[in-house]
Amino acid sequence: MFFLLSKLIPPFLDPPGATLLMALAAALVWRWRPRAAVAVLAAALAHLYLLSTPIVSGMLGATLERRYPPLPIESAPQADAAVLLGGVLHIPSPARPSVELTESSDRLWMGVRLYRAGKAPLLIVSGSNIPLFGENGMSEARAARSLLRDWGVPEEAILMEERARNTFENATFSKPLLEARGARRVLLVTSATHMARSVAIFRRAGMEVIPVPTDYLTGWMDPNPLMGLIPDAKALALSGVATHEWMGLLVYRLRGWS
């Protein structure tokens, strides 16, 4: 039940879903409380505008990313394994028979770089197949393994965890695989915005983790002050990522997962 709710509720709390809910609330009370309805509608539009600006979205993303600055490959310590969290691929389907990368696929490439640099002799790819979204029978971990092999990582250096549907399950199901290989110290690879939640969960599970963030969404350029106030679809998407992560941190803390 928690998993289903975790997929159905956040879209209505992240932008622009939250804006739509506020507009719906305004429409429902318009007949009886027109002034209140106008105030709620104005708040909805202001909410949408602010989260659509590069300045605001950049600040929201930076609150998460600045906690984990980039770790150069040569500075990464030796570890027993590197755990590469999922959410990085489009899994093949009848209409799209090939594996394709998403924005956060830097996680996989970072794993390859760590392996080539001799920082981790074993790469763990994590991620199941979620029928809720209509994928076929291939898990994301299996699809990730095929890409890693294409990029030159030998099959014996890749371990699949195919059951996890969220970050908590990533840690829960990866731990016994790591223990079976005698791996105690791991490099945790995920997007910089996602690292705070991931580190908390993996450490709570009893693992010694070294964060290796990647897939930074902020800091590439300082927006012109004027352009930073102009609404932008990419800025709204970044605001959605940031608010989703902050809500995730809160929910996981309340459930005692982090």
Protein backbone atom coordinates (compact mmCIF):
# COMPACT_ATOMS: atom_id res chain seq x y z
CA MET A 1 0.00 0.00 0.00
CA PHE A 2 2.81 2.43 0.90
CA PHE A 3 4.49 1.83 -2.46
CA LEU A 4 1.26 2.52 -4.37
CA LEU A 5 0.58 5.69 -2.39
CA SER A 6 4.19 6.81 -2.85
CA LYS A 7 3.62 6.74 -6.60
CA LEU A 8 0.12 8.24 -6.70
CA ILE A 9 0.31 11.06 -4.13
CA PRO A 10 3.59 12.91 -4.92
CA PRO A 11 2.49 14.02 -8.42
CA PHE A 12 -0.24 16.07 -6.74
CA LEU A 13 2.20 17.61 -4.22
CA ASP A 14 5.01 18.38 -6.65
CA PRO A 15 4.61 21.17 -9.19
CA PRO A 16 2.52 21.54 -11.26
CA GLY A 17 0.20 19.07 -9.50
CA ALA A 18 0.07 21.19 -6.35
CA THR A 19 -0.86 24.23 -8.43
CA LEU A 20 -3.72 22.31 -10.03
CA LEU A 21 -5.00 21.20 -6.62
CA MET A 22 -4.96 24.80 -5.39
CA ALA A 23 -6.84 25.94 -8.49
CA LEU A 24 -9.39 23.15 -7.98
CA ALA A 25 -9.86 24.22 -4.36
CA ALA A 26 -10.48 27.78 -5.53
CA ALA A 27 -13.10 26.58 -8.02
CA LEU A 28 -14.88 24.52 -5.37
CA VAL A 29 -15.28 27.43 -2.93
CA TRP A 30 -15.87 30.15 -5.51
CA ARG A 31 -19.64 30.15 -5.12
CA TRP A 32 -19.64 30.49 -1.32
CA ARG A 33 -16.34 32.28 -0.62
CA PRO A 34 -15.34 34.26 -3.73
CA ARG A 35 -12.71 36.34 -1.93
CA ALA A 36 -11.08 33.27 -0.48
CA ALA A 37 -11.22 31.62 -3.90
CA VAL A 38 -9.46 34.60 -5.52
CA ALA A 39 -6.77 34.49 -2.82
CA VAL A 40 -6.19 30.75 -3.32
CA LEU A 41 -6.10 31.15 -7.11
CA ALA A 42 -3.60 34.00 -6.82
CA ALA A 43 -1.47 31.84 -4.53
CA ALA A 44 -1.64 28.99 -7.05
CA LEU A 45 -0.44 31.22 -9.88
CA ALA A 46 2.32 32.71 -7.73
CA HIS A 47 3.37 29.19 -6.71
CA LEU A 48 3.56 28.09 -10.33
CA TYR A 49 5.43 31.21 -11.43
CA LEU A 50 8.05 31.12 -8.68
CA LEU A 51 8.85 27.42 -9.10
CA SER A 52 9.13 27.97 -12.86
CA THR A 53 11.90 30.56 -12.54
CA PRO A 54 15.55 29.47 -12.84
CA ILE A 55 16.50 31.53 -9.78
CA VAL A 56 14.05 29.80 -7.43
CA SER A 57 14.48 26.32 -8.89
CA GLY A 58 18.26 26.71 -8.77
CA MET A 59 18.14 27.63 -5.09
CA LEU A 60 15.88 24.66 -4.31
CA GLY A 61 18.17 22.23 -6.13
CA ALA A 62 21.30 23.71 -4.60
CA THR A 63 19.97 23.17 -1.05
CA LEU A 64 20.31 19.44 -1.75
CA GLU A 65 23.33 19.35 -4.05
CA ARG A 66 25.68 21.57 -2.06
CA ARG A 67 25.60 19.04 0.78
CA TYR A 68 27.56 16.62 -1.41
CA PRO A 69 30.15 18.36 -3.59
CA PRO A 70 31.70 16.44 -6.51
CA LEU A 71 34.25 13.77 -5.62
CA PRO A 72 36.99 13.51 -8.28
CA ILE A 73 37.61 9.93 -9.37
CA GLU A 74 41.26 10.08 -8.34
CA SER A 75 40.24 11.21 -4.85
CA ALA A 76 37.68 8.45 -4.31
CA PRO A 77 38.86 5.90 -1.73
CA GLN A 78 39.15 2.20 -2.38
CA ALA A 79 36.00 0.23 -1.60
CA ASP A 80 34.73 -3.33 -1.82
CA ALA A 81 31.95 -2.43 -4.25
CA ALA A 82 30.04 0.45 -5.84
CA VAL A 83 26.25 0.52 -5.58
CA LEU A 84 24.63 2.22 -8.58
CA LEU A 85 21.07 3.23 -7.78
CA GLY A 86 18.36 2.86 -10.42
CA GLY A 87 16.00 5.22 -12.18
CA VAL A 88 18.49 5.73 -15.02
CA LEU A 89 17.02 3.88 -17.99
CA HIS A 90 14.04 3.45 -20.24
CA ILE A 91 13.41 -0.29 -20.11
CA PRO A 92 12.67 -1.92 -23.49
CA SER A 93 9.02 -2.25 -24.45
CA PRO A 94 7.17 -3.60 -27.50
CA ALA A 95 7.18 -0.12 -29.01
CA ARG A 96 10.78 0.66 -28.01
CA PRO A 97 12.88 -2.52 -28.11
CA SER A 98 16.19 -0.90 -27.12
CA VAL A 99 17.49 0.29 -23.75
CA GLU A 100 17.82 4.09 -23.68
CA LEU A 101 19.40 6.45 -21.16
CA THR A 102 17.59 9.06 -19.08
CA GLU A 103 18.87 12.28 -17.52
CA SER A 104 20.20 10.47 -14.44
CA SER A 105 22.15 7.84 -16.41
CA ASP A 106 25.34 9.57 -15.23
CA ARG A 107 25.03 7.15 -12.31
CA LEU A 108 25.90 4.24 -14.59
CA TRP A 109 28.75 6.05 -16.30
CA MET A 110 30.20 7.07 -12.92
CA GLY A 111 30.17 3.39 -11.94
CA VAL A 112 32.13 2.52 -15.09
CA ARG A 113 34.68 5.23 -14.31
CA LEU A 114 35.11 4.00 -10.75
CA TYR A 115 35.59 0.44 -11.97
CA ARG A 116 38.13 1.45 -14.61
CA ALA A 117 40.04 3.50 -12.03
CA GLY A 118 40.29 0.45 -9.77
CA LYS A 119 38.23 2.06 -7.02
CA ALA A 120 35.68 -0.78 -6.81
CA PRO A 121 36.08 -4.33 -8.19
CA LEU A 122 32.34 -4.96 -8.12
CA LEU A 123 29.39 -2.91 -9.41
CA ILE A 124 25.89 -3.53 -8.04
CA VAL A 125 23.03 -2.35 -10.24
CA SER A 126 19.70 -2.04 -8.49
CA GLY A 127 16.13 -1.75 -9.73
CA SER A 128 13.11 -3.92 -10.44
CA ASN A 129 10.36 -3.84 -13.03
CA ILE A 130 7.28 -1.97 -11.82
CA PRO A 131 4.10 -3.39 -13.47
CA LEU A 132 2.21 -0.27 -12.36
CA PHE A 133 3.90 1.61 -15.20
CA GLY A 134 3.41 -1.05 -17.86
CA GLU A 135 7.00 -2.23 -18.40
CA ASN A 136 7.70 -5.63 -19.85
CA GLY A 137 9.47 -8.47 -18.06
CA MET A 138 13.01 -7.01 -17.99
CA SER A 139 14.15 -5.43 -14.72
CA GLU A 140 16.04 -2.17 -14.76
CA ALA A 141 19.02 -3.90 -13.11
CA ARG A 142 19.17 -6.40 -15.98
CA ALA A 143 18.95 -3.62 -18.57
CA ALA A 144 21.70 -1.72 -16.73
CA ARG A 145 23.91 -4.81 -16.73
CA SER A 146 23.62 -5.09 -20.51
CA LEU A 147 24.79 -1.50 -20.90
CA LEU A 148 27.69 -1.95 -18.50
CA ARG A 149 28.83 -4.96 -20.49
CA ASP A 150 28.60 -2.91 -23.71
CA TRP A 151 30.83 -0.33 -22.01
CA GLY A 152 33.49 -2.90 -21.23
CA VAL A 153 32.72 -4.00 -17.67
CA PRO A 154 33.11 -7.81 -17.45
CA GLU A 155 30.02 -9.75 -16.41
CA GLU A 156 31.73 -11.21 -13.34
CA ALA A 157 32.20 -7.69 -12.00
CA ILE A 158 28.46 -6.89 -12.16
CA LEU A 159 25.94 -7.95 -9.53
CA MET A 160 22.21 -7.43 -10.04
CA GLU A 161 19.62 -6.57 -7.39
CA GLU A 162 16.27 -6.91 -9.17
CA ARG A 163 13.63 -6.45 -6.46
CA ALA A 164 13.95 -2.86 -5.25
CA ARG A 165 11.18 -0.40 -6.13
CA ASN A 166 12.40 2.55 -4.08
CA THR A 167 15.49 3.79 -2.23
CA PHE A 168 14.63 2.01 1.00
CA GLU A 169 14.38 -1.30 -0.83
CA ASN A 170 17.63 -0.52 -2.67
CA ALA A 171 19.42 -0.61 0.69
CA THR A 172 17.39 -3.50 2.13
CA PHE A 173 17.96 -5.84 -0.80
CA SER A 174 21.53 -4.78 -1.63
CA LYS A 175 22.83 -5.41 1.89
CA PRO A 176 22.61 -9.25 1.84
CA LEU A 177 24.21 -9.33 -1.62
CA LEU A 178 27.08 -7.23 -0.33
CA GLU A 179 27.47 -9.33 2.80
CA ALA A 180 27.56 -12.52 0.73
CA ARG A 181 30.55 -11.11 -1.16
CA GLY A 182 32.24 -9.90 2.04
CA ALA A 183 31.78 -6.29 0.99
CA ARG A 184 31.64 -3.89 3.91
CA ARG A 185 32.73 -0.58 2.43
CA VAL A 186 30.81 0.68 -0.61
CA LEU A 187 30.83 3.66 -2.90
CA LEU A 188 27.23 4.88 -3.17
CA VAL A 189 26.54 6.38 -6.58
CA THR A 190 23.39 8.38 -7.24
CA SER A 191 22.25 11.82 -8.36
CA ALA A 192 23.42 14.70 -6.18
CA THR A 193 19.83 15.73 -5.43
CA HIS A 194 19.06 12.17 -4.30
CA MET A 195 22.21 11.61 -2.24
CA ALA A 196 21.02 12.96 1.11
CA ARG A 197 18.13 10.51 1.29
CA SER A 198 20.21 7.63 -0.06
CA VAL A 199 23.10 8.07 2.37
CA ALA A 200 20.73 8.25 5.34
CA ILE A 201 18.96 5.05 4.31
CA PHE A 202 22.07 3.01 3.53
CA ARG A 203 23.77 4.06 6.76
CA ARG A 204 20.63 3.29 8.72
CA ALA A 205 20.78 -0.20 7.17
CA GLY A 206 24.24 -0.63 8.73
CA MET A 207 26.48 -0.12 5.71
CA GLU A 208 29.67 1.91 5.52
CA VAL A 209 29.08 4.18 2.56
CA ILE A 210 31.18 6.78 0.77
CA PRO A 211 28.97 9.15 -1.25
CA VAL A 212 29.93 9.58 -4.90
CA PRO A 213 27.39 12.08 -6.27
CA THR A 214 26.81 12.70 -9.95
CA ASP A 215 24.12 14.06 -12.28
CA TYR A 216 24.30 17.61 -10.92
CA LEU A 217 21.40 19.78 -12.03
CA THR A 218 22.63 23.13 -10.68
CA GLY A 219 25.83 25.15 -10.87
CA TRP A 220 26.44 24.88 -14.59
CA MET A 221 25.98 28.60 -15.16
CA ASP A 222 24.78 31.60 -13.23
CA PRO A 223 21.59 32.82 -14.86
CA ASN A 224 21.35 36.42 -15.91
CA PRO A 225 19.29 38.10 -13.15
CA LEU A 226 16.64 39.12 -15.68
CA MET A 227 16.53 35.73 -17.45
CA GLY A 228 16.42 34.03 -14.06
CA LEU A 229 12.98 35.54 -13.51
CA ILE A 230 11.50 34.31 -16.79
CA PRO A 231 9.45 31.08 -16.44
CA ASP A 232 11.09 28.04 -17.95
CA ALA A 233 9.88 24.43 -18.26
CA LYS A 234 13.28 23.01 -17.27
CA ALA A 235 13.28 25.17 -14.15
CA LEU A 236 9.85 23.84 -13.19
CA ALA A 237 11.13 20.29 -13.65
CA LEU A 238 14.09 21.00 -11.34
CA SER A 239 11.73 22.43 -8.73
CA GLY A 240 9.74 19.22 -8.97
CA VAL A 241 12.86 17.11 -8.37
CA ALA A 242 13.86 19.20 -5.35
CA THR A 243 10.43 19.25 -3.70
CA HIS A 244 10.08 15.51 -4.32
CA GLU A 245 13.37 14.85 -2.54
CA TRP A 246 12.54 17.07 0.43
CA MET A 247 9.19 15.31 0.82
CA GLY A 248 10.96 11.96 0.53
CA LEU A 249 13.39 12.91 3.28
CA LEU A 250 10.48 13.88 5.53
CA VAL A 251 8.44 10.73 4.84
CA TYR A 252 11.41 8.41 5.28
CA ARG A 253 12.31 10.15 8.55
CA LEU A 254 8.76 9.75 9.85
CA ARG A 255 8.77 6.06 8.94
CA GLY A 256 12.11 5.55 10.66
CA TRP A 257 13.89 4.60 7.45
CA SER A 258 16.56 7.26 7.66
